[in-house]
Amino acid sequence: MASKAKLAVGLDLGSTATRVVICALEGESLHFLGHGEAPVQAWTRGRLSDPAALTGSIRFALHEAELRAQVSPDSAIIGLGGSVAGINSRGLYEFGRRRDIEADDLRYAVELAARARLEEDRQVLQICPQDFTLDGRAGYRNPRGMTCARLEANVHIVTASAQDHQALVAAMHQANLAVEESVYEAIAAGYAAVLPEDRARGVVVIDVGAQSTHIAVYDGDALLLVATIPVAGDHMTRDVSWLLKVNYEDAECLKREYGCAVTGIESDHSLVEIPSAEGRTPREAPRYQLNEILEARAEEIFEKIYAEVMRAGMEQSLLEGAILTGGGSQLTGMCDMAERILNCQARNGLAIGIEKWPSELDTPVWTVTAGLAMYGGRLRLKRDVKRAANGLAGLVLR
């Protein structure tokens, strides 16, 4: 049965691991079939530095997923981070006379807004409509059927480095997989973990990876802002390695086993064993020293996020708070630090909406991969988004 189903495949090209989820679309339901994961050492400071290593990791993870799912997909939706940024743009469509607004008018106004001049080596990933302005009156989300002579579309354009994107596509082709779409990782996390009613009340999705942190700010159907912050979990580990004088692997173990992003939550005055170089006796240090190191870097990350939230004008409008995903969000105390800096509630984002989703994948690490598969299922249902969708969200072009 699975072999005849339409497949929706999400592939998260992370900095430390490649993750694949294979699902089947049956009617309007998405069913989990299998998953795969493989370590990877192909990235440097958020940019692909070893395409051959990435190709090998994709093949390994995909093979593992195929064995579990008993199907062999030929294409996937890939997640993109690192070089991604967003810009606001406006498109003006003047009718020449007052008349009723039709769906094609809205699409054309969005297309005009999408013709923004981009910097060199930038390409468009997605066009996300925010709202429309009618004869100077702003704030209309879906004004079809209303009357005006001057229609303006406000959109947020998600862009990426064309060179980096082409390198990822080439690595996928070497692994014998076609790329259906490229989706910003924070947007993918939002597909999996944020319900429409949550977006309606204002929310920021924060995907804390190894080498960079990705954010997407929503107000209703409107994506107000995406941004990439070049500080994440890897920086915390390096801080621990440098200040406690241990190697990187030991620093990562200390962070995972004893670390906390906020001092005072855990038993800070207990002692932890600090690994020493061969030939030297082990050392001990108060746990609060480790947590002070992690707290300083976590505070920096969320202060940078708060600056982006303020840029979107949503610092007092995140009624649904912050949704944290990614491996870096699993550090104890990250939600507490988010609440302290962002001044709103925070929680870990888990995948919602895939039937038979296994409990072992019910962690923030797999949320982006699940969201990519869900995005693929959406494409299967609505190949022609322009005709099929009635709401503002359906005007997304890519």
Protein backbone atom coordinates (compact mmCIF):
# COMPACT_ATOMS: atom_id res chain seq x y z
CA MET A 1 0.00 0.00 0.00
CA ALA A 2 2.86 2.37 0.93
CA SER A 3 4.49 1.86 -2.47
CA LYS A 4 1.39 3.19 -4.23
CA ALA A 5 0.94 6.16 -1.93
CA LYS A 6 2.16 9.64 -2.73
CA LEU A 7 5.37 10.18 -0.79
CA ALA A 8 6.30 13.30 1.17
CA VAL A 9 9.97 13.37 2.15
CA GLY A 10 11.64 15.89 4.45
CA LEU A 11 15.43 16.15 4.61
CA ASP A 12 17.10 18.31 7.25
CA LEU A 13 20.70 19.09 6.27
CA GLY A 14 21.90 19.94 9.76
CA SER A 15 25.38 21.01 10.83
CA THR A 16 26.02 17.86 12.89
CA ALA A 17 23.53 15.34 11.45
CA THR A 18 21.46 14.67 8.34
CA ARG A 19 17.90 13.60 9.13
CA VAL A 20 15.29 12.13 6.79
CA VAL A 21 11.59 11.46 7.32
CA ILE A 22 9.49 9.57 4.76
CA CYS A 23 5.70 9.91 4.94
CA ALA A 24 2.81 8.78 2.75
CA LEU A 25 -0.11 10.98 1.80
CA GLU A 26 -3.35 9.01 1.97
CA GLY A 27 -6.34 11.23 1.22
CA GLU A 28 -5.63 14.34 3.26
CA SER A 29 -3.74 12.49 6.01
CA LEU A 30 0.02 12.18 6.33
CA HIS A 31 1.27 8.84 7.66
CA PHE A 32 4.77 8.20 8.97
CA LEU A 33 6.67 5.44 7.16
CA GLY A 34 10.30 5.66 8.23
CA HIS A 35 13.23 7.82 9.24
CA GLY A 36 17.01 7.87 8.98
CA GLU A 37 19.86 9.79 10.56
CA ALA A 38 23.57 10.07 9.85
CA PRO A 39 26.36 12.19 11.35
CA VAL A 40 28.00 14.76 9.12
CA GLN A 41 31.12 16.93 9.22
CA ALA A 42 30.61 19.06 6.14
CA TRP A 43 29.84 22.50 7.55
CA THR A 44 32.00 25.37 8.77
CA ARG A 45 30.37 28.39 10.39
CA GLY A 46 27.01 27.62 8.84
CA ARG A 47 28.34 27.16 5.29
CA LEU A 48 28.90 23.97 3.31
CA SER A 49 32.65 23.27 3.15
CA ASP A 50 32.72 19.58 2.10
CA PRO A 51 29.97 18.68 -0.42
CA ALA A 52 31.26 15.10 -0.79
CA ALA A 53 30.87 14.48 2.95
CA LEU A 54 27.33 15.85 2.84
CA THR A 55 26.44 13.60 -0.10
CA GLY A 56 27.72 10.57 1.82
CA SER A 57 25.69 11.53 4.87
CA ILE A 58 22.53 12.00 2.76
CA ARG A 59 22.97 8.57 1.19
CA PHE A 60 23.47 6.87 4.55
CA ALA A 61 20.47 8.56 6.21
CA LEU A 62 18.26 7.95 3.17
CA HIS A 63 19.24 4.27 3.00
CA GLU A 64 18.31 3.84 6.65
CA ALA A 65 14.95 5.52 6.08
CA GLU A 66 14.24 3.45 2.96
CA LEU A 67 14.87 0.20 4.83
CA ARG A 68 12.35 1.19 7.49
CA ALA A 69 9.77 2.61 5.09
CA GLN A 70 10.18 -0.07 2.39
CA VAL A 71 9.95 2.59 -0.33
CA SER A 72 12.54 4.49 -2.38
CA PRO A 73 11.71 8.18 -2.93
CA ASP A 74 13.26 10.10 -5.79
CA SER A 75 12.81 13.65 -4.44
CA ALA A 76 12.61 15.55 -1.16
CA ILE A 77 11.94 18.91 0.46
CA ILE A 78 15.19 20.23 1.95
CA GLY A 79 15.70 22.61 4.85
CA LEU A 80 17.91 25.64 4.47
CA GLY A 81 19.54 27.80 7.13
CA GLY A 82 22.80 29.66 7.52
CA SER A 83 22.73 32.20 4.70
CA VAL A 84 18.96 32.85 4.78
CA ALA A 85 17.59 36.36 5.36
CA GLY A 86 14.31 38.20 4.77
CA ILE A 87 13.31 41.56 3.35
CA ASN A 88 9.99 43.40 3.18
CA SER A 89 8.68 44.56 -0.18
CA ARG A 90 5.59 46.32 -1.53
CA GLY A 91 3.85 45.93 -4.87
CA LEU A 92 1.46 48.58 -6.26
CA TYR A 93 -1.31 47.65 -8.71
CA GLU A 94 -3.40 50.57 -9.94
CA PHE A 95 -6.69 49.64 -11.65
CA GLY A 96 -7.38 53.09 -13.12
CA ARG A 97 -10.95 52.96 -11.80
CA ARG A 98 -12.72 51.59 -8.76
CA ARG A 99 -13.81 47.99 -9.12
CA ASP A 100 -14.17 44.76 -7.18
CA ILE A 101 -10.96 42.94 -6.25
CA GLU A 102 -10.60 39.46 -7.68
CA ALA A 103 -8.24 36.64 -6.64
CA ASP A 104 -6.08 37.24 -9.73
CA ASP A 105 -5.65 40.87 -8.68
CA LEU A 106 -4.26 39.80 -5.32
CA ARG A 107 -1.85 37.37 -6.96
CA TYR A 108 -0.66 39.98 -9.44
CA ALA A 109 -0.06 42.53 -6.68
CA VAL A 110 1.99 39.90 -4.81
CA GLU A 111 3.96 39.17 -7.98
CA LEU A 112 4.74 42.88 -8.36
CA ALA A 113 5.98 42.98 -4.77
CA ALA A 114 8.16 39.94 -5.44
CA ARG A 115 10.10 41.83 -8.13
CA ALA A 116 12.28 43.49 -5.51
CA ARG A 117 15.90 44.13 -6.40
CA LEU A 118 18.09 41.63 -4.53
CA GLU A 119 21.73 41.86 -3.61
CA GLU A 120 24.24 40.01 -5.76
CA ASP A 121 24.30 36.24 -5.21
CA ARG A 122 20.85 36.21 -3.57
CA GLN A 123 17.90 34.17 -4.76
CA VAL A 124 14.27 33.99 -3.68
CA LEU A 125 13.16 30.98 -1.63
CA GLN A 126 9.63 32.00 -0.70
CA ILE A 127 7.22 34.91 -1.12
CA CYS A 128 5.10 35.33 2.00
CA PRO A 129 2.18 37.82 1.75
CA GLN A 130 1.53 39.86 4.88
CA ASP A 131 -1.46 42.10 4.11
CA PHE A 132 -2.91 44.51 1.54
CA THR A 133 -3.54 48.24 1.41
CA LEU A 134 -6.66 49.51 -0.40
CA ASP A 135 -6.65 53.15 -1.53
CA GLY A 136 -4.27 54.01 1.30
CA ARG A 137 -6.15 52.03 3.97
CA ALA A 138 -3.83 49.37 5.38
CA GLY A 139 -4.30 46.09 7.21
CA TYR A 140 -6.54 43.96 4.96
CA ARG A 141 -5.62 40.26 5.06
CA ASN A 142 -7.90 38.96 2.28
CA PRO A 143 -9.80 41.81 0.57
CA ARG A 144 -11.22 39.78 -2.32
CA GLY A 145 -14.63 41.14 -3.25
CA MET A 146 -13.96 44.60 -1.81
CA THR A 147 -13.74 47.71 -4.00
CA CYS A 148 -10.76 49.98 -4.66
CA ALA A 149 -8.77 51.67 -7.41
CA ARG A 150 -5.30 51.23 -5.90
CA LEU A 151 -4.17 47.88 -4.49
CA GLU A 152 -0.88 47.41 -2.66
CA ALA A 153 0.55 44.08 -1.51
CA ASN A 154 2.96 43.87 1.42
CA VAL A 155 5.14 40.76 1.37
CA HIS A 156 8.14 39.29 3.15
CA ILE A 157 10.67 37.80 0.75
CA VAL A 158 12.82 34.96 2.08
CA THR A 159 16.18 34.86 0.29
CA ALA A 160 19.32 32.71 0.39
CA SER A 161 22.79 32.70 -1.06
CA ALA A 162 22.49 31.35 -4.62
CA GLN A 163 25.96 29.80 -4.38
CA ASP A 164 25.20 27.98 -1.12
CA HIS A 165 21.83 26.82 -2.42
CA GLN A 166 23.33 25.44 -5.63
CA ALA A 167 25.94 23.55 -3.61
CA LEU A 168 23.20 21.86 -1.58
CA VAL A 169 21.22 20.98 -4.71
CA ALA A 170 24.36 19.50 -6.30
CA ALA A 171 25.00 17.38 -3.19
CA MET A 172 21.41 16.13 -3.35
CA HIS A 173 21.77 15.22 -7.02
CA GLN A 174 24.97 13.30 -6.25
CA ALA A 175 22.89 11.32 -3.76
CA ASN A 176 20.34 10.62 -6.55
CA LEU A 177 17.63 12.81 -5.06
CA ALA A 178 15.83 15.69 -6.74
CA VAL A 179 14.99 18.83 -4.77
CA GLU A 180 11.28 19.69 -4.88
CA GLU A 181 11.50 22.83 -2.73
CA SER A 182 13.93 24.54 -0.37
CA VAL A 183 12.33 25.79 2.85
CA TYR A 184 13.82 27.95 5.58
CA GLU A 185 14.26 25.80 8.66
CA ALA A 186 12.36 28.06 11.06
CA ILE A 187 9.40 28.11 8.65
CA ALA A 188 9.55 24.31 8.43
CA ALA A 189 9.55 24.09 12.24
CA GLY A 190 6.47 26.33 12.25
CA TYR A 191 4.67 23.98 9.85
CA ALA A 192 5.15 21.12 12.30
CA ALA A 193 4.80 22.73 15.72
CA VAL A 194 2.57 25.80 15.41
CA LEU A 195 -1.19 25.57 14.92
CA PRO A 196 -3.00 28.27 12.89
CA GLU A 197 -4.69 29.63 16.00
CA ASP A 198 -1.25 30.02 17.63
CA ARG A 199 0.00 32.09 14.70
CA ALA A 200 -3.16 34.21 14.90
CA ARG A 201 -2.21 35.33 18.40
CA GLY A 202 1.42 36.13 17.58
CA VAL A 203 4.36 33.72 17.94
CA VAL A 204 8.09 33.51 17.29
CA VAL A 205 9.57 30.19 16.15
CA ILE A 206 13.20 29.72 17.22
CA ASP A 207 15.25 26.87 15.78
CA VAL A 208 18.52 26.61 17.74
CA GLY A 209 20.96 24.58 15.69
CA ALA A 210 24.63 23.80 16.16
CA GLN A 211 26.18 26.68 14.21
CA SER A 212 23.29 29.14 13.75
CA THR A 213 19.88 30.04 15.17
CA HIS A 214 16.91 30.62 12.84
CA ILE A 215 13.82 32.62 13.73
CA ALA A 216 10.44 33.32 12.14
CA VAL A 217 7.98 35.84 13.58
CA TYR A 218 4.27 35.35 12.80
CA ASP A 219 1.23 37.54 13.31
CA GLY A 220 -1.80 35.64 12.06
CA ASP A 221 -1.25 34.33 8.53
CA ALA A 222 1.46 36.94 8.01
CA LEU A 223 5.12 36.04 8.27
CA LEU A 224 6.55 39.34 9.48
CA LEU A 225 10.22 38.50 9.60
CA VAL A 226 12.82 35.76 9.21
CA ALA A 227 16.39 36.13 10.41
CA THR A 228 19.48 34.01 10.98
CA ILE A 229 21.68 34.57 14.02
CA PRO A 230 25.24 33.18 13.72
CA VAL A 231 25.35 32.04 17.36
CA ALA A 232 24.03 28.67 18.57
CA GLY A 233 24.80 25.47 20.47
CA ASP A 234 28.29 24.98 19.06
CA HIS A 235 29.36 28.33 20.52
CA MET A 236 28.24 27.20 23.98
CA THR A 237 30.34 24.05 23.69
CA ARG A 238 33.39 26.01 22.55
CA ASP A 239 33.00 28.41 25.47
CA VAL A 240 32.99 25.47 27.90
CA SER A 241 36.00 23.91 26.16
CA TRP A 242 38.00 27.13 26.34
CA LEU A 243 37.14 28.27 29.86
CA LEU A 244 37.23 24.86 31.58
CA LYS A 245 40.31 23.72 29.62
CA VAL A 246 38.84 20.51 28.20
CA ASN A 247 38.64 19.17 24.65
CA TYR A 248 35.55 19.76 22.51
CA GLU A 249 34.03 16.28 22.95
CA ASP A 250 34.36 16.42 26.74
CA ALA A 251 32.89 19.95 26.75
CA GLU A 252 29.87 18.69 24.80
CA CYS A 253 29.36 15.86 27.30
CA LEU A 254 29.60 18.27 30.25
CA LYS A 255 27.05 20.57 28.60
CA ARG A 256 24.59 17.77 27.93
CA GLU A 257 24.90 15.99 31.30
CA TYR A 258 25.27 18.83 33.77
CA GLY A 259 24.68 22.09 31.89
CA CYS A 260 21.87 24.60 32.36
CA ALA A 261 21.25 27.86 30.53
CA VAL A 262 20.11 29.62 33.73
CA THR A 263 21.98 29.56 37.02
CA GLY A 264 19.95 28.74 40.09
CA ILE A 265 17.62 26.17 38.50
CA GLU A 266 19.87 23.17 39.11
CA SER A 267 21.99 22.37 42.18
CA ASP A 268 24.70 24.84 41.23
CA HIS A 269 26.93 24.16 44.24
CA SER A 270 27.34 20.45 43.57
CA LEU A 271 30.67 19.37 42.11
CA VAL A 272 31.13 17.92 38.63
CA GLU A 273 34.14 15.95 37.45
CA ILE A 274 36.14 17.77 34.80
CA PRO A 275 37.99 15.42 32.41
CA SER A 276 41.75 15.93 32.31
CA ALA A 277 44.40 15.14 29.75
CA GLU A 278 45.91 11.67 29.80
CA GLY A 279 48.38 11.27 32.64
CA ARG A 280 46.74 13.88 34.85
CA THR A 281 44.33 13.26 37.71
CA PRO A 282 40.67 14.26 37.19
CA ARG A 283 39.57 17.65 38.48
CA GLU A 284 36.38 18.86 40.10
CA ALA A 285 34.62 22.18 39.75
CA PRO A 286 31.39 23.68 41.11
CA ARG A 287 28.52 23.16 38.73
CA TYR A 288 27.75 26.87 38.82
CA GLN A 289 30.97 27.61 36.90
CA LEU A 290 29.73 25.49 34.00
CA ASN A 291 26.27 27.05 34.14
CA GLU A 292 27.61 30.61 34.28
CA ILE A 293 29.44 29.96 31.02
CA LEU A 294 26.33 28.59 29.34
CA GLU A 295 24.08 31.30 30.77
CA ALA A 296 26.21 34.09 29.29
CA ARG A 297 26.02 32.63 25.79
CA ALA A 298 22.30 31.77 26.05
CA GLU A 299 21.60 35.33 27.16
CA GLU A 300 23.47 36.63 24.10
CA ILE A 301 21.43 34.41 21.76
CA PHE A 302 18.07 35.55 23.12
CA GLU A 303 19.08 39.19 23.26
CA LYS A 304 19.83 39.00 19.54
CA ILE A 305 16.48 37.29 19.00
CA TYR A 306 14.72 40.00 20.98
CA ALA A 307 16.33 42.66 18.79
CA GLU A 308 14.80 40.94 15.73
CA VAL A 309 11.40 40.67 17.43
CA MET A 310 11.55 44.40 18.13
CA ARG A 311 12.46 45.05 14.50
CA ALA A 312 9.22 43.26 13.57
CA GLY A 313 7.30 45.39 16.10
CA MET A 314 6.08 42.31 18.00
CA GLU A 315 7.86 42.70 21.36
CA GLN A 316 4.52 43.14 23.15
CA SER A 317 2.35 41.02 20.86
CA LEU A 318 3.71 37.47 21.23
CA LEU A 319 0.61 36.19 23.00
CA GLU A 320 1.49 32.58 22.16
CA GLY A 321 5.09 33.20 23.11
CA ALA A 322 8.20 31.49 21.77
CA ILE A 323 8.39 27.99 20.29
CA LEU A 324 11.88 26.45 20.59
CA THR A 325 13.10 23.66 18.32
CA GLY A 326 16.45 22.21 17.28
CA GLY A 327 19.16 20.38 19.18
CA GLY A 328 20.30 23.51 21.00
CA SER A 329 16.86 23.99 22.54
CA GLN A 330 17.23 20.76 24.55
CA LEU A 331 19.69 22.33 26.97
CA THR A 332 17.99 22.64 30.36
CA GLY A 333 16.88 26.19 31.07
CA MET A 334 16.61 27.43 27.48
CA CYS A 335 12.87 28.04 27.81
CA ASP A 336 13.48 29.85 31.09
CA MET A 337 16.06 32.11 29.45
CA ALA A 338 13.68 32.75 26.54
CA GLU A 339 10.95 33.84 28.97
CA ARG A 340 13.37 36.10 30.86
CA ILE A 341 14.67 37.95 27.78
CA LEU A 342 11.63 37.86 25.44
CA ASN A 343 9.14 38.57 28.24
CA CYS A 344 6.66 35.93 27.04
CA GLN A 345 5.94 32.28 27.66
CA ALA A 346 8.15 29.69 25.95
CA ARG A 347 7.90 25.99 25.23
CA ASN A 348 9.61 23.31 23.19
CA GLY A 349 8.04 22.73 19.76
CA LEU A 350 7.12 19.15 18.88
CA ALA A 351 5.71 17.81 15.62
CA ILE A 352 1.91 17.81 15.37
CA GLY A 353 -0.19 16.32 12.58
CA ILE A 354 1.69 13.24 11.28
CA GLU A 355 -0.15 10.02 12.03
CA LYS A 356 1.85 7.14 13.58
CA TRP A 357 4.66 9.54 14.49
CA PRO A 358 6.99 7.43 16.71
CA SER A 359 7.56 8.45 20.31
CA GLU A 360 11.35 8.27 19.98
CA LEU A 361 11.20 11.13 17.45
CA ASP A 362 8.96 13.26 19.67
CA THR A 363 11.77 15.72 20.44
CA PRO A 364 12.62 19.24 19.20
CA VAL A 365 15.51 17.75 17.19
CA TRP A 366 13.12 16.20 14.66
CA THR A 367 10.62 19.05 14.40
CA VAL A 368 12.22 20.69 11.35
CA THR A 369 12.42 17.36 9.48
CA ALA A 370 8.76 16.66 10.24
CA GLY A 371 7.80 20.14 9.05
CA LEU A 372 9.64 19.62 5.76
CA ALA A 373 7.71 16.39 5.18
CA MET A 374 4.46 18.17 6.04
CA TYR A 375 5.31 20.91 3.57
CA GLY A 376 5.87 18.20 0.96
CA GLY A 377 2.45 16.74 1.74
CA ARG A 378 0.92 20.18 1.28
CA LEU A 379 2.52 20.45 -2.16
CA ARG A 380 1.11 17.08 -3.10
CA LEU A 381 -2.39 18.19 -2.09
CA LYS A 382 -2.19 21.57 -3.81
CA ARG A 383 0.16 21.48 -6.75
CA ASP A 384 -1.44 24.64 -8.09
CA VAL A 385 -1.52 26.78 -4.95
CA LYS A 386 -2.74 29.84 -6.82
CA ARG A 387 -5.99 28.18 -7.85
CA ALA A 388 -6.57 25.88 -4.90
CA ALA A 389 -6.21 28.24 -1.94
CA ASN A 390 -8.76 30.83 -0.94
CA GLY A 391 -7.03 32.53 1.99
CA LEU A 392 -4.06 34.85 2.20
CA ALA A 393 -1.74 31.98 3.15
CA GLY A 394 -2.55 30.32 -0.17
CA LEU A 395 -0.91 33.16 -2.07
CA VAL A 396 2.58 31.93 -1.15
CA LEU A 397 4.35 31.43 -4.46
CA ARG A 398 7.40 29.50 -3.28
